[in-house]
Protein backbone atom coordinates (compact mmCIF):
# COMPACT_ATOMS: atom_id res chain seq x y z
CA MET A 1 17.22 26.74 -1.13
CA THR A 2 17.19 23.78 -3.54
CA ILE A 3 14.23 21.43 -3.77
CA LEU A 4 14.81 18.09 -5.52
CA VAL A 5 11.64 16.40 -6.82
CA ALA A 6 12.10 12.69 -7.47
CA GLU A 7 9.67 10.81 -9.75
CA PRO A 8 8.64 14.07 -11.48
CA LYS A 9 6.58 12.56 -14.33
CA ASP A 10 3.10 14.17 -14.41
CA TYR A 11 3.85 15.94 -11.12
CA SER A 12 1.22 18.44 -10.07
CA LYS A 13 2.00 21.85 -11.58
CA LYS A 14 0.36 23.48 -8.58
CA ALA A 15 2.64 21.59 -6.19
CA LEU A 16 5.73 22.50 -8.25
CA ALA A 17 4.67 26.16 -8.13
CA VAL A 18 4.54 25.98 -4.33
CA TYR A 19 8.06 24.53 -4.22
CA ARG A 20 9.33 27.17 -6.65
CA SER A 21 8.06 29.83 -4.28
CA LEU A 22 10.57 28.46 -1.77
CA GLY A 23 13.62 28.15 -4.01
CA GLN A 24 15.13 26.43 -7.03
CA VAL A 25 13.31 23.25 -8.08
CA CYS A 26 15.30 20.45 -9.74
CA LEU A 27 13.59 17.44 -11.31
CA TRP A 28 15.43 14.18 -10.66
CA LYS A 29 14.79 11.88 -13.60
CA GLY A 30 15.89 8.89 -11.59
CA SER A 31 19.14 7.01 -11.32
CA LYS A 32 20.86 4.84 -8.78
CA GLN A 33 23.31 7.63 -8.04
CA THR A 34 22.57 10.43 -5.64
CA PRO A 35 22.12 13.92 -7.08
CA LYS A 36 25.22 16.07 -7.55
CA LYS A 37 23.55 19.36 -6.68
CA PRO A 38 23.28 20.30 -2.96
CA THR A 39 19.74 19.57 -1.82
CA ASP A 40 17.84 21.21 1.03
CA ILE A 41 14.44 19.55 0.48
CA LEU A 42 13.89 16.12 -1.04
CA VAL A 43 10.41 15.35 -2.40
CA LEU A 44 9.88 11.68 -3.22
CA GLY A 45 7.30 8.94 -3.58
CA LEU A 46 7.89 5.25 -2.87
CA LYS A 47 10.43 4.41 -5.58
CA TYR A 48 13.62 5.27 -3.69
CA ARG A 49 14.90 4.00 -0.37
CA ILE A 50 16.63 6.68 1.65
CA GLY A 51 19.32 5.54 4.05
CA LYS A 52 22.83 6.36 5.25
CA GLU A 53 24.49 6.16 1.83
CA PHE A 54 22.13 8.68 0.28
CA LEU A 55 22.18 10.96 3.32
CA ASP A 56 25.99 10.99 3.41
CA GLN A 57 25.95 12.49 -0.08
CA THR A 58 23.27 15.09 0.70
CA PRO A 59 24.69 16.82 3.80
CA ASN A 60 22.52 19.94 3.30
CA LEU A 61 19.27 18.02 3.50
CA LYS A 62 16.81 19.53 5.97
CA ILE A 63 13.41 18.13 4.90
CA ILE A 64 12.20 14.89 3.32
CA ALA A 65 8.66 15.18 1.97
CA SER A 66 6.73 12.07 0.96
CA PRO A 67 3.08 12.10 -0.21
CA ALA A 68 2.48 8.63 1.23
CA THR A 69 1.22 7.13 4.49
CA GLY A 70 3.82 4.35 4.53
CA ILE A 71 7.35 5.52 5.29
CA ASN A 72 9.19 2.21 5.65
CA HIS A 73 11.30 3.22 2.62
CA LEU A 74 12.96 5.79 4.88
CA ASP A 75 15.65 4.98 7.46
CA LEU A 76 13.92 6.98 10.17
CA ALA A 77 16.58 6.39 12.84
CA GLU A 78 19.34 7.73 10.59
CA ILE A 79 17.16 10.62 9.42
CA LYS A 80 16.27 11.58 12.99
CA ALA A 81 19.92 11.40 14.08
CA ARG A 82 20.76 13.99 11.42
CA GLY A 83 17.94 16.30 12.49
CA ILE A 84 16.07 16.01 9.20
CA LYS A 85 12.35 16.72 9.25
CA VAL A 86 10.02 14.15 7.63
CA ILE A 87 6.71 15.42 6.26
CA SER A 88 4.35 12.67 5.08
CA LEU A 89 0.67 11.69 4.99
CA ARG A 90 0.92 9.52 8.08
CA GLY A 91 -1.72 10.52 10.59
CA ARG A 92 -3.46 13.02 8.26
CA LYS A 93 -6.86 11.44 8.86
CA GLY A 94 -9.01 14.41 7.95
CA PHE A 95 -7.30 14.95 4.61
CA LEU A 96 -7.12 11.26 3.70
CA ARG A 97 -10.79 10.56 4.40
CA ASN A 98 -11.75 11.38 0.82
CA ILE A 99 -9.00 9.40 -0.92
CA PRO A 100 -10.35 5.89 -1.60
CA SER A 101 -7.90 4.72 -4.29
CA THR A 102 -6.34 1.86 -2.30
CA ALA A 103 -9.73 0.67 -1.05
CA GLU A 104 -11.00 0.62 -4.64
CA GLU A 105 -7.97 -1.43 -5.66
CA THR A 106 -8.67 -3.85 -2.82
CA PHE A 107 -12.11 -4.55 -4.24
CA ALA A 108 -10.70 -4.81 -7.75
CA LEU A 109 -8.42 -7.61 -6.53
CA ILE A 110 -11.29 -9.37 -4.75
CA LEU A 111 -13.45 -9.30 -7.87
CA ALA A 112 -10.58 -10.33 -10.15
CA LEU A 113 -9.83 -13.38 -7.99
CA TYR A 114 -13.44 -14.40 -7.43
CA ARG A 115 -14.25 -14.23 -11.15
CA HIS A 116 -10.83 -15.39 -12.51
CA ILE A 117 -10.74 -12.27 -14.67
CA PRO A 118 -6.99 -12.07 -15.52
CA TRP A 119 -6.78 -15.71 -16.58
CA ALA A 120 -10.09 -15.72 -18.49
CA PHE A 121 -8.83 -12.71 -20.48
CA ASP A 122 -5.51 -14.46 -21.16
CA ASP A 123 -7.48 -17.45 -22.45
CA VAL A 124 -9.51 -15.24 -24.82
CA LYS A 125 -6.31 -13.67 -26.16
CA ASN A 126 -5.13 -17.19 -26.94
CA GLY A 127 -8.34 -17.99 -28.82
CA GLY A 128 -10.35 -19.58 -26.01
CA TRP A 129 -14.05 -18.95 -25.35
CA ASP A 130 -14.98 -21.36 -22.55
CA ARG A 131 -17.36 -19.80 -20.03
CA ILE A 132 -17.66 -22.98 -17.94
CA LYS A 133 -13.89 -23.28 -17.56
CA TRP A 134 -13.79 -19.83 -15.92
CA ARG A 135 -16.83 -20.08 -13.67
CA GLY A 136 -16.34 -18.03 -10.54
CA ASN A 137 -18.28 -17.21 -7.41
CA GLN A 138 -20.54 -14.32 -6.49
CA LEU A 139 -19.79 -12.11 -3.49
CA MET A 140 -23.33 -11.81 -2.09
CA GLY A 141 -23.58 -13.59 1.24
CA LYS A 142 -19.83 -14.19 1.57
CA THR A 143 -17.87 -13.13 4.67
CA VAL A 144 -15.00 -10.69 4.37
CA GLY A 145 -12.64 -10.17 7.30
CA LEU A 146 -10.80 -6.87 7.64
CA LEU A 147 -7.59 -6.87 9.64
CA GLY A 148 -7.49 -3.21 10.58
CA PHE A 149 -10.53 -0.93 10.68
CA GLY A 150 -9.05 2.49 10.12
CA ARG A 151 -9.75 4.75 7.13
CA LEU A 152 -9.27 2.16 4.37
CA GLY A 153 -10.83 -0.71 6.29
CA ARG A 154 -13.98 1.36 6.80
CA ILE A 155 -14.22 2.23 3.10
CA VAL A 156 -13.77 -1.43 2.10
CA ALA A 157 -16.46 -2.40 4.62
CA ARG A 158 -18.84 0.05 2.98
CA TYR A 159 -18.13 -1.42 -0.47
CA ALA A 160 -18.58 -4.96 0.88
CA ARG A 161 -21.95 -4.14 2.39
CA ALA A 162 -23.06 -2.74 -0.99
CA PHE A 163 -22.39 -6.26 -2.32
CA ASN A 164 -24.53 -7.70 0.51
CA MET A 165 -21.54 -9.32 2.17
CA LYS A 166 -21.09 -10.03 5.85
CA VAL A 167 -18.22 -7.96 7.30
CA LEU A 168 -15.99 -8.91 10.24
CA ALA A 169 -13.15 -6.76 11.53
CA CYS A 170 -10.27 -6.97 13.99
CA ASP A 171 -8.76 -3.77 15.35
CA PRO A 172 -7.81 -3.27 19.02
CA ASN A 173 -8.08 0.50 18.59
CA VAL A 174 -11.71 0.53 17.42
CA SER A 175 -14.64 -0.21 19.73
CA GLU A 176 -17.26 -2.89 19.15
CA LYS A 177 -19.93 -0.19 19.39
CA PHE A 178 -18.37 1.84 16.57
CA MET A 179 -18.00 -1.21 14.32
CA LYS A 180 -21.60 -2.19 14.99
CA SER A 181 -22.72 1.29 13.91
CA ARG A 182 -21.05 0.55 10.55
CA GLY A 183 -22.75 -2.84 10.20
CA VAL A 184 -19.54 -4.68 11.10
CA SER A 185 -18.95 -7.39 13.72
CA LYS A 186 -15.85 -7.08 15.90
CA ILE A 187 -13.87 -10.30 16.25
CA ASN A 188 -10.43 -11.43 17.39
CA MET A 189 -7.64 -12.12 14.92
CA GLU A 190 -7.74 -15.91 15.04
CA GLU A 191 -11.51 -16.04 14.55
CA LEU A 192 -11.24 -13.54 11.70
CA PHE A 193 -8.93 -15.88 9.78
CA LYS A 194 -11.10 -18.91 10.58
CA LYS A 195 -14.48 -17.45 9.63
CA SER A 196 -13.71 -15.26 6.60
CA VAL A 197 -13.60 -16.39 2.97
CA ILE A 198 -11.71 -13.18 2.17
CA VAL A 199 -9.14 -11.68 4.56
CA SER A 200 -7.93 -8.20 3.66
CA LEU A 201 -5.10 -6.30 5.39
CA HIS A 202 -5.51 -2.62 6.28
CA VAL A 203 -2.87 -2.15 8.97
CA LEU A 204 -0.16 0.51 9.20
CA LEU A 205 3.34 -0.98 9.24
CA THR A 206 5.17 -0.16 12.48
CA ASP A 207 7.70 -1.97 14.67
CA GLN A 208 4.72 -3.43 16.56
CA THR A 209 2.89 -4.73 13.46
CA HIS A 210 5.93 -6.09 11.61
CA ASN A 211 5.28 -9.84 10.97
CA LEU A 212 1.78 -9.43 12.43
CA VAL A 213 0.36 -12.18 10.20
CA LYS A 214 2.16 -15.43 10.74
CA GLU A 215 2.10 -18.84 9.09
CA LYS A 216 -0.20 -20.09 11.87
CA HIS A 217 -2.85 -17.50 10.91
CA LEU A 218 -2.87 -18.52 7.23
CA LYS A 219 -3.23 -22.15 8.32
CA LEU A 220 -6.49 -21.19 10.04
CA MET A 221 -8.06 -20.01 6.77
CA LYS A 222 -10.54 -22.08 4.78
CA PRO A 223 -9.14 -23.83 1.68
CA SER A 224 -11.70 -21.80 -0.32
CA ALA A 225 -10.55 -18.45 1.13
CA TYR A 226 -8.58 -15.64 -0.47
CA PHE A 227 -5.98 -13.36 1.08
CA ILE A 228 -5.62 -9.69 0.03
CA ASN A 229 -2.80 -7.33 0.94
CA THR A 230 -2.75 -3.72 -0.27
CA ALA A 231 -0.98 -2.46 2.87
CA ARG A 232 2.66 -3.57 3.30
CA ALA A 233 4.29 -6.96 2.67
CA GLU A 234 6.28 -6.81 5.91
CA LEU A 235 3.02 -7.21 7.84
CA ILE A 236 3.21 -10.89 6.85
CA GLU A 237 5.91 -13.27 8.01
CA LYS A 238 8.37 -13.66 5.14
CA GLY A 239 7.64 -16.77 3.07
CA ALA A 240 4.33 -17.51 4.81
CA LEU A 241 2.09 -16.49 1.89
CA GLU A 242 4.10 -18.52 -0.60
CA LYS A 243 3.83 -21.56 1.67
CA ALA A 244 0.07 -21.07 2.13
CA LEU A 245 -0.40 -21.06 -1.65
CA LYS A 246 1.87 -24.03 -2.33
CA GLN A 247 0.35 -26.10 0.48
CA LYS A 248 -3.17 -25.09 -0.67
CA TRP A 249 -4.13 -23.75 2.74
CA ILE A 250 -5.90 -20.98 0.80
CA ALA A 251 -7.54 -20.70 -2.64
CA GLY A 252 -5.49 -17.72 -3.78
CA ALA A 253 -4.22 -14.24 -3.07
CA GLY A 254 -4.00 -10.71 -4.46
CA VAL A 255 -1.14 -8.46 -3.35
CA ASP A 256 -0.02 -4.95 -4.24
CA VAL A 257 3.15 -5.08 -2.14
CA MET A 258 6.20 -7.30 -1.74
CA TRP A 259 9.02 -7.82 0.71
CA ASP A 260 12.19 -5.80 0.03
CA GLU A 261 10.60 -3.71 -2.73
CA GLN A 262 13.03 -1.81 -4.95
CA GLY A 263 12.00 0.97 -7.30
CA ASP A 264 13.84 -0.62 -10.23
CA GLY A 265 12.06 -3.97 -9.78
CA SER A 266 15.28 -5.81 -8.88
CA HIS A 267 13.45 -7.52 -6.00
CA LEU A 268 11.48 -9.55 -8.57
CA LYS A 269 14.49 -11.52 -9.81
CA ASN A 270 14.18 -15.16 -8.68
CA ASN A 271 11.42 -14.10 -6.29
CA PRO A 272 9.49 -17.23 -5.19
CA LEU A 273 6.10 -15.47 -5.24
CA VAL A 274 6.66 -14.21 -8.78
CA GLU A 275 7.81 -17.66 -9.91
CA TYR A 276 4.69 -19.16 -8.35
CA ALA A 277 2.45 -16.63 -10.11
CA LYS A 278 3.99 -17.52 -13.49
CA LYS A 279 2.92 -21.15 -13.11
CA ASN A 280 -0.42 -20.81 -11.31
CA LYS A 281 -3.73 -19.05 -11.83
CA ASN A 282 -4.62 -17.99 -8.31
CA LEU A 283 -2.16 -15.23 -7.44
CA ILE A 284 -2.24 -11.61 -8.64
CA ILE A 285 0.75 -9.37 -7.95
CA LEU A 286 0.54 -5.63 -8.69
CA PRO A 287 3.44 -3.11 -8.58
CA HIS A 288 2.32 -1.10 -5.53
CA ILE A 289 -0.32 0.88 -7.43
CA GLY A 290 -2.90 1.20 -4.65
CA GLY A 291 -2.53 4.96 -4.33
CA ALA A 292 -1.38 5.47 -7.92
CA THR A 293 -4.37 7.22 -9.43
CA PHE A 294 -4.13 10.59 -11.15
CA GLU A 295 -6.63 12.10 -8.71
CA ALA A 296 -5.01 10.79 -5.53
CA MET A 297 -1.47 11.63 -6.58
CA GLN A 298 -2.37 15.18 -7.59
CA VAL A 299 -4.13 16.12 -4.36
CA THR A 300 -1.55 14.43 -2.12
CA GLN A 301 1.36 16.12 -3.93
CA GLU A 302 -0.34 19.49 -3.51
CA PHE A 303 -1.18 18.85 0.15
CA ILE A 304 2.40 17.86 1.01
CA ALA A 305 3.80 20.87 -0.87
CA GLU A 306 1.65 23.19 1.23
CA GLU A 307 2.73 21.40 4.42
CA VAL A 308 6.39 21.82 3.44
CA LYS A 309 5.83 25.52 2.78
CA LYS A 310 4.12 25.96 6.15
CA TYR A 311 7.02 24.27 7.91
CA VAL A 312 9.66 26.31 6.07
CA MET A 313 7.86 29.58 6.73
CA SER A 314 7.45 28.72 10.42
CA ARG A 315 11.23 28.29 10.74
CA LYS A 316 12.06 31.67 9.22
CA PRO A 317 13.03 34.44 11.67
CA LYS A 318 10.23 36.94 12.16
């Protein structure tokens, strides 16, 4: 059995040991071409998109393992048609409860926008020292609206309450009683966009939530409000965020995700959001680093390796 590990830099030694107990491990340094060696198990992160072209060249593939909750980089219909098993972090609520990296990044973006931190630092590097020019706002007393109140939404709510903020949330799958027990007010989606000065997305991307946030929702926001997305770009109607910024419907935005992401960054070329960010000081774009902490990546790699081993061992004849 051959296990191909993509994005192997700093990969957990413990996870690699688990894979080696199953067969030969090959480290794929990364290229646009598919690997030459026959592969039974593919272990990858978010850098590569796996579709028909890749699968045609890896006919032995039996398992795709991804230590991530989002799996929109996988062509699931094609993978299912070929009988390939996908093992990911989706739905692993118990395990994920103690991994707050993306929630921490969400708050980092909120603070960076509210205090103009990236642009104030740029000014200092250019010799500026003007504290009045970079006056920001404090978070105490402000209203944050969470679209989605699952694992990450609940962690962000806890952080927001520590800042003495008012927290609203919209999630059809979570009861008003439960939200109230967390000090959060349940509200519908339109009211969330109207009443919040920060709207943060914490929704899983599915066929049902694709394009969930539309232009009309961003139009409802206050001109002083900020929009945060550390979930998936495809949750927002394509082009809507760019329009909201250009038309000044909102004060700014912080995003960790983009439409049509490619691991080599080719999606950035002539991208309207990137071009806007180059000329304005109210948009922060990060390269999908929400879950990219040493601690989170190590434990998720190890967890997925163990899940792969369990699955492989369960398929062996007794």
